[in-house]
Amino acid sequence: MGMFQKLKIGGTVTPAIDWELTPDLTFGTFESWGGRESVRSRVSDTERVYYFFVDAWEDVPKLCLMERGVKHAEVLAEIDAPVEMIQACVAQQGTSSLFEKSYAIDSTVKDWLITNVMESGDDSKVIPIIKEIIVEDMGEALVALADSDFSGAVTTLPREASYIQQSEVASLMKKWNFFEAEHNPEGSFANHLVDTGDGLTVVDQQTGLMWQKGGLDITAIRTMLRNIEKVNQEDYAGHNDWRMPTIEEAMSLMDPVQNSKGTYLQPCFSKEQPFIFVAAKRKPGGYWFVDYKQGRAFWSSGTIPGAFARLCRTV
């Protein structure tokens, strides 16, 4: 049948429906956490494909429209289709594992969609799913940089990339009094965070570092290094010297009390970067990470799944 263009969702028209794509194929087609598209023609992060599937996670299965990208998955609409037809589609596919309740449509459902939705132009059967927009709580406003009364001595943390052995972690955390859930649970580094006023960054006057309030999306280490270069080329927040923090710099942000967002950070930092790359490697192999959700430092491969990033620069 090929592809069909006509499908309205709340007044907008989607690009082509892909009748060959199925829920199981998307896991092979899109390596969401690795950031590499391996089957089709190099789909970019911004490109989207659309397909129908049956959601059978509840007692009554539903026919849905999925929007999928390399690192994106969103159910856009439910289709008002005959329940008996959808139930029959699920039944003829046999049993599934406890963790798989999303099914490909069968030929009967496909023919019904073509006749009653795609070719008829009747968009009344397409029920958009309204996405709730949740604004992240960034905590109480920080003191503005211009109004800060900080007068203490700056704590200069190591700024060069390093090699760190597992046996060295505990002493490193204790040296700087960093909170680390396993190795130094009594630690508490005193920050002095102030607002720069640009909505993007904060400055820790205690360490002389400017930080992103948010950060970069999860990817493998090589891609992340390229993304950091791009951030600097684009003069993020008016600066071009952003870098990956050292493990000491990243740990300096660790707060001993988990906030309402579930991270060991001051609320002025986004929860969307729960664990980040740092400029530290392990011998004989591996990369170090700082995990703000678990309150710890750990090492692993830098490839899959990779990590997020929260960049810093020296003020």
Protein backbone atom coordinates (compact mmCIF):
# COMPACT_ATOMS: atom_id res chain seq x y z
CA MET A 1 0.00 0.00 0.00
CA GLY A 2 2.92 2.33 0.48
CA MET A 3 2.66 5.45 2.59
CA PHE A 4 -0.26 7.77 3.21
CA GLN A 5 0.00 11.46 4.01
CA LYS A 6 -3.47 12.38 5.27
CA LEU A 7 -3.89 12.10 9.00
CA LYS A 8 -5.04 15.03 11.09
CA ILE A 9 -4.23 15.24 14.78
CA GLY A 10 -5.84 18.19 16.46
CA GLY A 11 -5.76 20.27 13.29
CA THR A 12 -2.23 19.38 12.19
CA VAL A 13 -1.25 16.84 9.55
CA THR A 14 1.45 14.26 10.25
CA PRO A 15 4.15 13.27 7.78
CA ALA A 16 3.89 9.85 6.16
CA ILE A 17 2.71 6.80 8.08
CA ASP A 18 5.18 3.94 7.94
CA TRP A 19 3.14 0.73 7.62
CA GLU A 20 6.21 -1.49 7.98
CA LEU A 21 7.44 -0.14 11.31
CA THR A 22 6.35 -2.03 14.45
CA PRO A 23 7.00 -1.65 18.19
CA ASP A 24 9.55 -4.47 18.24
CA LEU A 25 11.45 -3.06 15.25
CA THR A 26 11.89 0.35 16.85
CA PHE A 27 14.15 -1.12 19.50
CA GLY A 28 16.47 -2.44 16.79
CA THR A 29 16.09 0.58 14.56
CA PHE A 30 16.64 3.31 17.14
CA GLU A 31 19.36 2.87 19.76
CA SER A 32 17.95 5.63 21.92
CA TRP A 33 20.61 5.72 24.61
CA GLY A 34 23.54 5.14 22.30
CA GLY A 35 22.38 7.82 19.92
CA ARG A 36 23.10 5.75 16.78
CA GLU A 37 20.53 4.77 14.16
CA SER A 38 21.57 1.44 12.70
CA VAL A 39 18.93 0.15 10.30
CA ARG A 40 17.39 2.88 8.23
CA SER A 41 18.97 5.83 6.48
CA ARG A 42 20.69 7.75 9.30
CA VAL A 43 17.64 9.29 10.94
CA SER A 44 18.68 12.44 12.80
CA ASP A 45 17.62 13.41 16.32
CA THR A 46 15.03 15.81 14.89
CA GLU A 47 13.46 13.50 12.29
CA ARG A 48 10.30 11.59 13.16
CA VAL A 49 8.50 8.50 11.85
CA TYR A 50 4.90 7.51 12.53
CA TYR A 51 3.20 4.14 12.88
CA PHE A 52 0.12 2.53 14.38
CA PHE A 53 0.28 -0.07 17.14
CA VAL A 54 -1.98 -1.75 19.71
CA ASP A 55 -1.47 -0.84 23.36
CA ALA A 56 -2.64 -3.86 25.41
CA TRP A 57 -1.24 -2.86 28.80
CA GLU A 58 -4.72 -2.36 30.24
CA ASP A 59 -7.76 -4.67 30.24
CA VAL A 60 -9.18 -3.10 27.08
CA PRO A 61 -6.57 -2.75 24.29
CA LYS A 62 -6.28 0.53 22.38
CA LEU A 63 -5.24 1.41 18.85
CA CYS A 64 -2.66 4.22 18.99
CA LEU A 65 -0.47 6.38 16.77
CA MET A 66 3.21 6.57 17.76
CA GLU A 67 5.72 9.30 16.90
CA ARG A 68 9.27 7.93 17.06
CA GLY A 69 12.76 9.37 16.68
CA VAL A 70 16.31 8.39 17.52
CA LYS A 71 15.87 9.56 21.11
CA HIS A 72 12.16 10.25 21.11
CA ALA A 73 8.98 8.24 21.63
CA GLU A 74 5.54 9.75 22.13
CA VAL A 75 2.02 8.40 21.66
CA LEU A 76 0.22 11.18 19.78
CA ALA A 77 -3.33 9.86 19.56
CA GLU A 78 -5.78 7.07 20.20
CA ILE A 79 -7.89 5.82 17.31
CA ASP A 80 -11.58 5.19 17.91
CA ALA A 81 -11.67 1.70 16.41
CA PRO A 82 -13.99 -1.28 17.06
CA VAL A 83 -12.89 -2.90 20.33
CA GLU A 84 -13.68 -6.41 19.05
CA MET A 85 -11.33 -5.91 16.09
CA ILE A 86 -8.48 -4.74 18.34
CA GLN A 87 -9.04 -7.62 20.79
CA ALA A 88 -8.92 -10.08 17.91
CA CYS A 89 -5.64 -8.54 16.73
CA VAL A 90 -4.10 -9.13 20.16
CA ALA A 91 -5.53 -12.64 20.50
CA GLN A 92 -4.17 -13.87 17.17
CA GLN A 93 -0.61 -12.86 18.16
CA GLY A 94 -0.57 -15.34 21.05
CA THR A 95 0.82 -14.74 24.50
CA SER A 96 3.46 -12.16 25.30
CA SER A 97 6.00 -11.71 28.03
CA LEU A 98 5.12 -9.73 31.13
CA PHE A 99 7.16 -6.82 29.78
CA GLU A 100 5.73 -6.74 26.26
CA LYS A 101 2.18 -5.50 25.79
CA SER A 102 2.59 -3.40 22.64
CA TYR A 103 1.61 -5.18 19.43
CA ALA A 104 1.90 -4.58 15.71
CA ILE A 105 -1.38 -4.12 13.87
CA ASP A 106 -2.58 -6.95 11.64
CA SER A 107 -3.95 -6.75 8.09
CA THR A 108 -7.54 -6.36 9.30
CA VAL A 109 -6.68 -3.33 11.42
CA LYS A 110 -4.57 -1.88 8.63
CA ASP A 111 -7.40 -2.20 6.09
CA TRP A 112 -9.84 -0.64 8.56
CA LEU A 113 -7.49 2.31 9.12
CA ILE A 114 -7.01 2.89 5.41
CA THR A 115 -10.75 2.82 4.71
CA ASN A 116 -12.09 4.62 7.76
CA VAL A 117 -9.31 7.07 8.64
CA MET A 118 -6.67 7.55 5.99
CA GLU A 119 -8.74 7.67 2.80
CA SER A 120 -12.03 8.89 4.24
CA GLY A 121 -10.55 12.08 5.61
CA ASP A 122 -12.64 11.58 8.77
CA ASP A 123 -10.44 12.87 11.58
CA SER A 124 -13.19 12.46 14.21
CA LYS A 125 -11.84 8.97 14.96
CA VAL A 126 -8.38 10.39 15.78
CA ILE A 127 -8.36 11.51 19.42
CA PRO A 128 -5.27 13.59 20.30
CA ILE A 129 -3.52 12.87 23.58
CA ILE A 130 -3.05 16.16 25.37
CA LYS A 131 0.46 16.33 26.76
CA GLU A 132 0.68 17.97 30.15
CA ILE A 133 3.47 20.53 30.30
CA ILE A 134 5.23 20.35 33.65
CA VAL A 135 7.51 23.23 34.57
CA GLU A 136 10.40 22.02 36.69
CA ASP A 137 10.69 23.55 40.14
CA MET A 138 14.07 25.30 40.29
CA GLY A 139 13.79 26.15 43.97
CA GLU A 140 13.87 29.54 45.63
CA ALA A 141 15.57 32.32 43.70
CA LEU A 142 19.28 32.63 44.38
CA VAL A 143 20.93 35.86 45.38
CA ALA A 144 21.98 37.83 42.29
CA LEU A 145 25.69 37.90 41.52
CA ALA A 146 25.74 41.70 41.83
CA ASP A 147 24.17 41.51 45.30
CA SER A 148 26.37 38.75 46.72
CA ASP A 149 28.19 39.37 49.98
CA PHE A 150 30.68 36.54 49.53
CA SER A 151 34.03 37.44 51.07
CA GLY A 152 35.65 34.09 51.79
CA ALA A 153 38.67 32.49 50.19
CA VAL A 154 38.06 30.64 46.93
CA THR A 155 38.62 26.88 47.03
CA THR A 156 40.58 26.04 43.89
CA LEU A 157 39.76 22.48 42.86
CA PRO A 158 41.83 20.42 40.38
CA ARG A 159 40.98 21.51 36.83
CA GLU A 160 42.97 19.04 34.74
CA ALA A 161 41.77 15.65 33.54
CA SER A 162 43.10 12.80 35.63
CA TYR A 163 43.38 9.05 36.10
CA ILE A 164 41.76 7.79 39.30
CA GLN A 165 41.87 4.30 40.74
CA GLN A 166 38.94 2.82 42.65
CA SER A 167 41.10 2.68 45.78
CA GLU A 168 41.66 6.45 45.65
CA VAL A 169 38.02 7.52 45.67
CA ALA A 170 37.40 7.42 49.42
CA SER A 171 40.45 9.54 50.27
CA LEU A 172 39.60 12.02 47.50
CA MET A 173 36.08 12.53 48.89
CA LYS A 174 37.37 13.00 52.43
CA LYS A 175 40.14 15.36 51.35
CA TRP A 176 37.63 17.90 50.03
CA ASN A 177 34.79 16.95 52.40
CA PHE A 178 32.49 15.99 49.51
CA PHE A 179 29.31 14.12 50.31
CA GLU A 180 29.44 10.66 48.72
CA ALA A 181 26.83 8.12 49.79
CA GLU A 182 29.25 5.21 50.12
CA HIS A 183 32.69 6.66 50.77
CA ASN A 184 31.94 9.83 52.75
CA PRO A 185 28.28 10.01 53.85
CA GLU A 186 29.12 12.63 56.49
CA GLY A 187 30.69 14.99 53.98
CA SER A 188 29.25 18.39 53.07
CA PHE A 189 31.05 20.85 50.80
CA ALA A 190 29.95 24.45 51.37
CA ASN A 191 28.93 26.10 48.09
CA HIS A 192 28.06 29.75 47.60
CA LEU A 193 25.77 29.74 44.55
CA VAL A 194 24.60 32.98 42.97
CA ASP A 195 22.40 33.76 39.99
CA THR A 196 24.00 35.30 36.91
CA GLY A 197 20.66 36.57 35.66
CA ASP A 198 20.84 34.93 32.22
CA GLY A 199 18.48 32.07 33.10
CA LEU A 200 21.06 29.54 31.94
CA THR A 201 23.88 29.59 34.46
CA VAL A 202 24.84 29.99 38.10
CA VAL A 203 28.20 30.81 39.67
CA ASP A 204 29.64 29.06 42.69
CA GLN A 205 31.75 31.77 44.28
CA GLN A 206 33.28 29.22 46.63
CA THR A 207 35.02 27.44 43.73
CA GLY A 208 35.12 30.23 41.14
CA LEU A 209 33.16 28.13 38.65
CA MET A 210 30.22 28.97 36.41
CA TRP A 211 27.83 26.05 35.80
CA GLN A 212 25.05 25.20 33.41
CA LYS A 213 21.77 24.97 35.28
CA GLY A 214 20.79 22.31 32.78
CA GLY A 215 23.20 20.44 30.52
CA LEU A 216 23.62 18.17 27.52
CA ASP A 217 21.56 15.11 26.65
CA ILE A 218 22.82 11.56 27.12
CA THR A 219 25.21 10.18 24.51
CA ALA A 220 28.48 8.28 24.15
CA ILE A 221 31.77 9.94 25.09
CA ARG A 222 33.00 10.70 21.56
CA THR A 223 29.73 12.33 20.59
CA MET A 224 29.68 14.25 23.85
CA LEU A 225 33.13 15.72 23.14
CA ARG A 226 31.86 16.90 19.75
CA ASN A 227 28.76 18.37 21.40
CA ILE A 228 30.93 20.34 23.82
CA GLU A 229 32.86 21.77 20.87
CA LYS A 230 29.55 22.83 19.34
CA VAL A 231 28.47 24.52 22.60
CA ASN A 232 31.65 26.59 22.51
CA GLN A 233 31.30 27.41 18.81
CA GLU A 234 27.84 28.76 19.60
CA ASP A 235 29.09 30.87 22.56
CA TYR A 236 26.65 29.36 25.04
CA ALA A 237 25.59 32.03 27.57
CA GLY A 238 28.14 34.35 25.95
CA HIS A 239 31.20 32.16 26.58
CA ASN A 240 33.31 29.77 24.51
CA ASP A 241 35.43 28.05 27.17
CA TRP A 242 32.93 25.50 28.50
CA ARG A 243 34.40 22.15 29.51
CA MET A 244 33.65 18.87 31.20
CA PRO A 245 34.23 19.22 34.97
CA THR A 246 36.86 17.23 36.80
CA ILE A 247 35.57 14.68 39.27
CA GLU A 248 36.37 17.08 42.12
CA GLU A 249 34.49 19.94 40.47
CA ALA A 250 31.44 17.76 39.76
CA MET A 251 31.44 16.36 43.30
CA SER A 252 31.57 19.88 44.74
CA LEU A 253 27.93 20.33 43.65
CA MET A 254 26.79 17.21 45.53
CA ASP A 255 24.40 18.18 48.29
CA PRO A 256 24.10 15.85 51.32
CA VAL A 257 20.29 16.16 51.30
CA GLN A 258 18.22 14.73 48.46
CA ASN A 259 15.88 17.41 47.12
CA SER A 260 12.21 17.09 46.14
CA LYS A 261 13.27 16.24 42.58
CA GLY A 262 15.17 13.17 43.78
CA THR A 263 18.69 14.49 43.21
CA TYR A 264 21.51 15.37 45.60
CA LEU A 265 21.77 18.89 44.18
CA GLN A 266 20.59 22.36 44.97
CA PRO A 267 17.16 22.76 43.25
CA CYS A 268 18.55 25.49 40.96
CA PHE A 269 20.04 22.64 38.88
CA SER A 270 17.82 20.63 36.56
CA LYS A 271 17.03 16.99 37.36
CA GLU A 272 17.25 16.13 33.66
CA GLN A 273 21.00 15.34 33.92
CA PRO A 274 20.99 12.71 36.71
CA PHE A 275 24.49 11.36 36.01
CA ILE A 276 27.25 13.12 34.12
CA PHE A 277 30.60 12.56 32.46
CA VAL A 278 33.63 13.98 34.25
CA ALA A 279 37.18 14.55 33.04
CA ALA A 280 38.58 11.47 34.73
CA LYS A 281 39.48 7.98 33.52
CA ARG A 282 40.20 4.75 35.34
CA LYS A 283 43.15 2.46 34.81
CA PRO A 284 43.25 -0.04 33.16
CA GLY A 285 40.06 1.15 31.45
CA GLY A 286 36.77 2.98 31.90
CA TYR A 287 35.46 6.46 32.62
CA TRP A 288 34.38 8.07 35.86
CA PHE A 289 30.90 9.54 36.31
CA VAL A 290 29.14 11.51 39.02
CA ASP A 291 25.61 10.33 39.79
CA TYR A 292 23.47 13.02 41.42
CA LYS A 293 20.50 10.69 41.77
CA GLN A 294 22.39 8.10 43.83
CA GLY A 295 24.82 10.53 45.45
CA ARG A 296 27.96 8.77 44.30
CA ALA A 297 30.89 8.55 41.92
CA PHE A 298 31.22 5.42 39.78
CA TRP A 299 33.11 4.14 36.76
CA SER A 300 31.87 2.36 33.65
CA SER A 301 32.26 2.28 29.88
CA GLY A 302 31.95 5.64 28.16
CA THR A 303 30.10 4.24 25.17
CA ILE A 304 26.77 2.54 25.91
CA PRO A 305 24.70 3.92 27.50
CA GLY A 306 27.04 6.88 27.95
CA ALA A 307 25.97 9.78 30.15
CA PHE A 308 24.69 13.33 30.29
CA ALA A 309 26.86 16.41 30.83
CA ARG A 310 26.73 19.54 32.96
CA LEU A 311 29.48 21.85 31.76
CA CYS A 312 31.45 24.38 33.74
CA ARG A 313 33.97 27.13 33.12
CA THR A 314 36.38 29.09 35.29
CA VAL A 315 35.10 32.57 36.04
